[in-house]
C-alpha cells in the first residue's frame, strides 16, 4: 500500500480516505477484499480511468459514480449525491437520450428538478420524450 501511495504521490491515509468513501474495503480480516482494493488503488495510481477500473474490477454501479467523482474531485455528501447539482451534466445526459430519472441520477438531483431545469431552458415534453428548444420552435 505504501508503494502505491508513493507512486501516486500521496500518503497512505489519503488513499484510504479516497477509497473508503467509494465503499472499497482497504482494511479488515477479509484478505480477498484487501487484495481487490489494492488492485483498484494500484490501477488508479497507474492512471487508469476510473470507469475502466470499475468495469475491470466489477465495482457496483452505485459505487462507480462515486469512485469516478472522487477521482475527479467532485465533492459529495455522505449519501453519495454530489454537493452541487451538475446542471450541465444533466442537460448533456438528456441530450444524449437519457430519461429525466436517469439524468437525475447522473446529476445528483430529483427527476422533478430535471423537468424544471429543462422547462427553464426551453425544452418541451411531448408525452414520451423531451424535445430540445430548436424542435419546439419549429413545431409552432
C-alpha atoms as a PDB file:
ATOM      1  CA  UNK A   1       0.000   0.000   0.000  1.00  0.00           C
ATOM      2  CA  UNK A   2       2.873   2.335   0.846  1.00  0.00           C
ATOM      3  CA  UNK A   3       4.471   1.802  -2.574  1.00  0.00           C
ATOM      4  CA  UNK A   4       1.165   2.519  -4.289  1.00  0.00           C
ATOM      5  CA  UNK A   5       0.754   5.733  -2.308  1.00  0.00           C
ATOM      6  CA  UNK A   6       4.322   6.769  -3.136  1.00  0.00           C
ATOM      7  CA  UNK A   7       3.755   6.034  -6.842  1.00  0.00           C
ATOM      8  CA  UNK A   8       0.569   8.082  -6.666  1.00  0.00           C
ATOM      9  CA  UNK A   9       2.367  10.941  -4.918  1.00  0.00           C
ATOM     10  CA  UNK A  10       0.283  10.997  -1.746  1.00  0.00           C
ATOM     11  CA  UNK A  11       0.114   9.464   1.718  1.00  0.00           C
ATOM     12  CA  UNK A  12      -1.443   6.120   2.601  1.00  0.00           C
ATOM     13  CA  UNK A  13      -4.019   7.985   4.712  1.00  0.00           C
ATOM     14  CA  UNK A  14      -5.177   9.925   1.648  1.00  0.00           C
ATOM     15  CA  UNK A  15      -5.558   6.686  -0.345  1.00  0.00           C
ATOM     16  CA  UNK A  16      -7.543   5.063   2.464  1.00  0.00           C
ATOM     17  CA  UNK A  17      -9.823   8.089   2.736  1.00  0.00           C
ATOM     18  CA  UNK A  18     -10.309   8.278  -1.037  1.00  0.00           C
ATOM     19  CA  UNK A  19     -11.314   4.664  -1.437  1.00  0.00           C
ATOM     20  CA  UNK A  20     -13.177   4.230   1.850  1.00  0.00           C
ATOM     21  CA  UNK A  21     -15.615   6.867   0.590  1.00  0.00           C
ATOM     22  CA  UNK A  22     -16.084   4.759  -2.529  1.00  0.00           C
ATOM     23  CA  UNK A  23     -17.120   1.745  -0.473  1.00  0.00           C
ATOM     24  CA  UNK A  24     -13.902  -0.162  -1.132  1.00  0.00           C
ATOM     25  CA  UNK A  25     -12.701  -2.014   1.978  1.00  0.00           C
ATOM     26  CA  UNK A  26      -8.993  -1.363   2.364  1.00  0.00           C
ATOM     27  CA  UNK A  27      -8.623  -2.888   5.816  1.00  0.00           C
ATOM     28  CA  UNK A  28     -10.143  -5.803   7.615  1.00  0.00           C
ATOM     29  CA  UNK A  29      -9.852  -9.531   8.051  1.00  0.00           C
ATOM     30  CA  UNK A  30     -11.120 -10.328   4.575  1.00  0.00           C
ATOM     31  CA  UNK A  31      -7.810 -10.644   2.716  1.00  0.00           C
ATOM     32  CA  UNK A  32      -9.590 -11.009  -0.616  1.00  0.00           C
ATOM     33  CA  UNK A  33     -11.294  -7.631  -0.137  1.00  0.00           C
ATOM     34  CA  UNK A  34      -7.971  -6.037   0.775  1.00  0.00           C
ATOM     35  CA  UNK A  35      -6.302  -7.643  -2.258  1.00  0.00           C
ATOM     36  CA  UNK A  36      -9.067  -6.390  -4.539  1.00  0.00           C
ATOM     37  CA  UNK A  37      -8.825  -2.916  -3.058  1.00  0.00           C
ATOM     38  CA  UNK A  38      -5.053  -2.900  -3.540  1.00  0.00           C
ATOM     39  CA  UNK A  39      -5.565  -3.802  -7.202  1.00  0.00           C
ATOM     40  CA  UNK A  40      -8.064  -0.973  -7.619  1.00  0.00           C
ATOM     41  CA  UNK A  41      -5.795   1.537  -5.891  1.00  0.00           C
ATOM     42  CA  UNK A  42      -2.837   0.295  -7.945  1.00  0.00           C
ATOM     43  CA  UNK A  43      -4.756   0.711 -11.204  1.00  0.00           C
ATOM     44  CA  UNK A  44      -5.769   4.217 -10.116  1.00  0.00           C
ATOM     45  CA  UNK A  45      -2.145   5.028  -9.264  1.00  0.00           C
ATOM     46  CA  UNK A  46      -1.106   3.888 -12.756  1.00  0.00           C
ATOM     47  CA  UNK A  47      -3.527   6.435 -14.191  1.00  0.00           C
ATOM     48  CA  UNK A  48      -6.215   4.069 -15.471  1.00  0.00           C
ATOM     49  CA  UNK A  49      -9.536   5.940 -15.934  1.00  0.00           C
ATOM     50  CA  UNK A  50     -11.954   5.261 -13.082  1.00  0.00           C
ATOM     51  CA  UNK A  51     -14.772   3.955 -15.325  1.00  0.00           C
ATOM     52  CA  UNK A  52     -12.348   1.353 -16.734  1.00  0.00           C
ATOM     53  CA  UNK A  53     -11.266   0.336 -13.235  1.00  0.00           C
ATOM     54  CA  UNK A  54     -14.924  -0.087 -12.246  1.00  0.00           C
ATOM     55  CA  UNK A  55     -15.599  -2.270 -15.283  1.00  0.00           C
ATOM     56  CA  UNK A  56     -12.430  -4.336 -14.852  1.00  0.00           C
ATOM     57  CA  UNK A  57     -12.844  -4.997 -11.123  1.00  0.00           C
ATOM     58  CA  UNK A  58     -16.654  -5.257 -11.276  1.00  0.00           C
ATOM     59  CA  UNK A  59     -17.343  -2.406  -8.877  1.00  0.00           C
ATOM     60  CA  UNK A  60     -21.080  -1.974  -8.212  1.00  0.00           C
ATOM     61  CA  UNK A  61     -22.781   0.661 -10.396  1.00  0.00           C
ATOM     62  CA  UNK A  62     -23.898   2.635  -7.345  1.00  0.00           C
ATOM     63  CA  UNK A  63     -20.278   2.853  -6.233  1.00  0.00           C
ATOM     64  CA  UNK A  64     -18.946   3.593  -9.714  1.00  0.00           C
ATOM     65  CA  UNK A  65     -20.285   7.145  -9.950  1.00  0.00           C
ATOM     66  CA  UNK A  66     -18.905   7.916  -6.524  1.00  0.00           C
ATOM     67  CA  UNK A  67     -15.481   6.487  -7.418  1.00  0.00           C
ATOM     68  CA  UNK A  68     -15.312   8.478 -10.640  1.00  0.00           C
ATOM     69  CA  UNK A  69     -16.398  11.692  -8.908  1.00  0.00           C
ATOM     70  CA  UNK A  70     -13.919  11.231  -6.086  1.00  0.00           C
ATOM     71  CA  UNK A  71     -11.142  10.651  -8.590  1.00  0.00           C
ATOM     72  CA  UNK A  72     -12.142  13.827 -10.414  1.00  0.00           C
ATOM     73  CA  UNK A  73     -12.568  15.814  -7.209  1.00  0.00           C
ATOM     74  CA  UNK A  74     -16.358  16.339  -7.243  1.00  0.00           C
ATOM     75  CA  UNK A  75     -17.335  16.917  -3.589  1.00  0.00           C
ATOM     76  CA  UNK A  76     -20.132  14.597  -2.416  1.00  0.00           C
ATOM     77  CA  UNK A  77     -22.489  14.367   0.544  1.00  0.00           C
ATOM     78  CA  UNK A  78     -22.390  11.321   2.846  1.00  0.00           C
ATOM     79  CA  UNK A  79     -25.452   9.999   0.962  1.00  0.00           C
ATOM     80  CA  UNK A  80     -23.314   9.797  -2.166  1.00  0.00           C
ATOM     81  CA  UNK A  81     -25.033  12.641  -4.034  1.00  0.00           C
ATOM     82  CA  UNK A  82     -22.903  15.495  -5.378  1.00  0.00           C
ATOM     83  CA  UNK A  83     -22.827  18.582  -3.125  1.00  0.00           C
ATOM     84  CA  UNK A  84     -23.892  20.775  -6.013  1.00  0.00           C
ATOM     85  CA  UNK A  85     -26.187  19.618  -8.782  1.00  0.00           C
ATOM     86  CA  UNK A  86     -24.235  19.494 -12.017  1.00  0.00           C
ATOM     87  CA  UNK A  87     -26.778  21.072 -14.356  1.00  0.00           C
ATOM     88  CA  UNK A  88     -24.531  20.914 -17.420  1.00  0.00           C
ATOM     89  CA  UNK A  89     -24.177  17.160 -16.848  1.00  0.00           C
ATOM     90  CA  UNK A  90     -27.967  16.822 -16.510  1.00  0.00           C
ATOM     91  CA  UNK A  91     -28.618  18.682 -19.770  1.00  0.00           C
ATOM     92  CA  UNK A  92     -25.928  16.699 -21.613  1.00  0.00           C
ATOM     93  CA  UNK A  93     -27.481  13.466 -20.316  1.00  0.00           C
ATOM     94  CA  UNK A  94     -30.921  14.419 -21.644  1.00  0.00           C
ATOM     95  CA  UNK A  95     -29.402  15.495 -24.976  1.00  0.00           C
ATOM     96  CA  UNK A  96     -27.745  12.080 -25.088  1.00  0.00           C
ATOM     97  CA  UNK A  97     -31.160  10.412 -24.878  1.00  0.00           C
ATOM     98  CA  UNK A  98     -31.478   9.698 -21.150  1.00  0.00           C
ATOM     99  CA  UNK A  99     -34.807   9.940 -19.363  1.00  0.00           C
ATOM    100  CA  UNK A 100     -35.315  12.570 -16.652  1.00  0.00           C
ATOM    101  CA  UNK A 101     -34.901   9.894 -13.960  1.00  0.00           C
ATOM    102  CA  UNK A 102     -31.593   8.678 -15.430  1.00  0.00           C
ATOM    103  CA  UNK A 103     -30.342  12.250 -15.861  1.00  0.00           C
ATOM    104  CA  UNK A 104     -31.295  12.972 -12.243  1.00  0.00           C
ATOM    105  CA  UNK A 105     -29.190  10.038 -11.052  1.00  0.00           C
ATOM    106  CA  UNK A 106     -26.199  11.259 -13.065  1.00  0.00           C
ATOM    107  CA  UNK A 107     -26.524  14.890 -11.954  1.00  0.00           C
ATOM    108  CA  UNK A 108     -27.383  14.242  -8.319  1.00  0.00           C
ATOM    109  CA  UNK A 109     -30.890  15.702  -8.202  1.00  0.00           C
ATOM    110  CA  UNK A 110     -34.527  14.619  -8.486  1.00  0.00           C
ATOM    111  CA  UNK A 111     -36.405  13.963 -11.763  1.00  0.00           C
ATOM    112  CA  UNK A 112     -38.688  16.888 -10.861  1.00  0.00           C
ATOM    113  CA  UNK A 113     -35.657  19.210 -10.686  1.00  0.00           C
ATOM    114  CA  UNK A 114     -34.555  17.927 -14.102  1.00  0.00           C
ATOM    115  CA  UNK A 115     -38.003  18.728 -15.529  1.00  0.00           C
ATOM    116  CA  UNK A 116     -37.909  22.247 -14.040  1.00  0.00           C
ATOM    117  CA  UNK A 117     -34.432  22.865 -15.458  1.00  0.00           C
ATOM    118  CA  UNK A 118     -35.411  21.651 -18.933  1.00  0.00           C
ATOM    119  CA  UNK A 119     -38.562  23.822 -18.959  1.00  0.00           C
ATOM    120  CA  UNK A 120     -36.454  26.838 -17.960  1.00  0.00           C
ATOM    121  CA  UNK A 121     -34.059  26.081 -20.835  1.00  0.00           C
ATOM    122  CA  UNK A 122     -36.953  25.947 -23.313  1.00  0.00           C
ATOM    123  CA  UNK A 123     -37.311  22.174 -23.667  1.00  0.00           C
ATOM    124  CA  UNK A 124     -40.811  20.692 -24.041  1.00  0.00           C
ATOM    125  CA  UNK A 125     -42.294  17.345 -23.004  1.00  0.00           C
ATOM    126  CA  UNK A 126     -44.397  15.727 -25.750  1.00  0.00           C
ATOM    127  CA  UNK A 127     -45.707  12.883 -23.592  1.00  0.00           C
ATOM    128  CA  UNK A 128     -42.924  10.447 -24.470  1.00  0.00           C
ATOM    129  CA  UNK A 129     -39.671  12.386 -24.555  1.00  0.00           C
ATOM    130  CA  UNK A 130     -38.062  15.781 -24.096  1.00  0.00           C
ATOM    131  CA  UNK A 131     -37.817  17.940 -27.219  1.00  0.00           C
ATOM    132  CA  UNK A 132     -34.884  20.384 -27.433  1.00  0.00           C
ATOM    133  CA  UNK A 133     -35.593  24.129 -27.878  1.00  0.00           C
ATOM    134  CA  UNK A 134     -34.917  24.033 -31.659  1.00  0.00           C
ATOM    135  CA  UNK A 135     -37.552  21.315 -32.184  1.00  0.00           C
ATOM    136  CA  UNK A 136     -40.050  23.232 -30.016  1.00  0.00           C
ATOM    137  CA  UNK A 137     -39.658  26.439 -32.091  1.00  0.00           C
ATOM    138  CA  UNK A 138     -40.179  24.501 -35.320  1.00  0.00           C
ATOM    139  CA  UNK A 139     -43.416  22.955 -34.004  1.00  0.00           C
ATOM    140  CA  UNK A 140     -45.236  26.302 -33.670  1.00  0.00           C
END
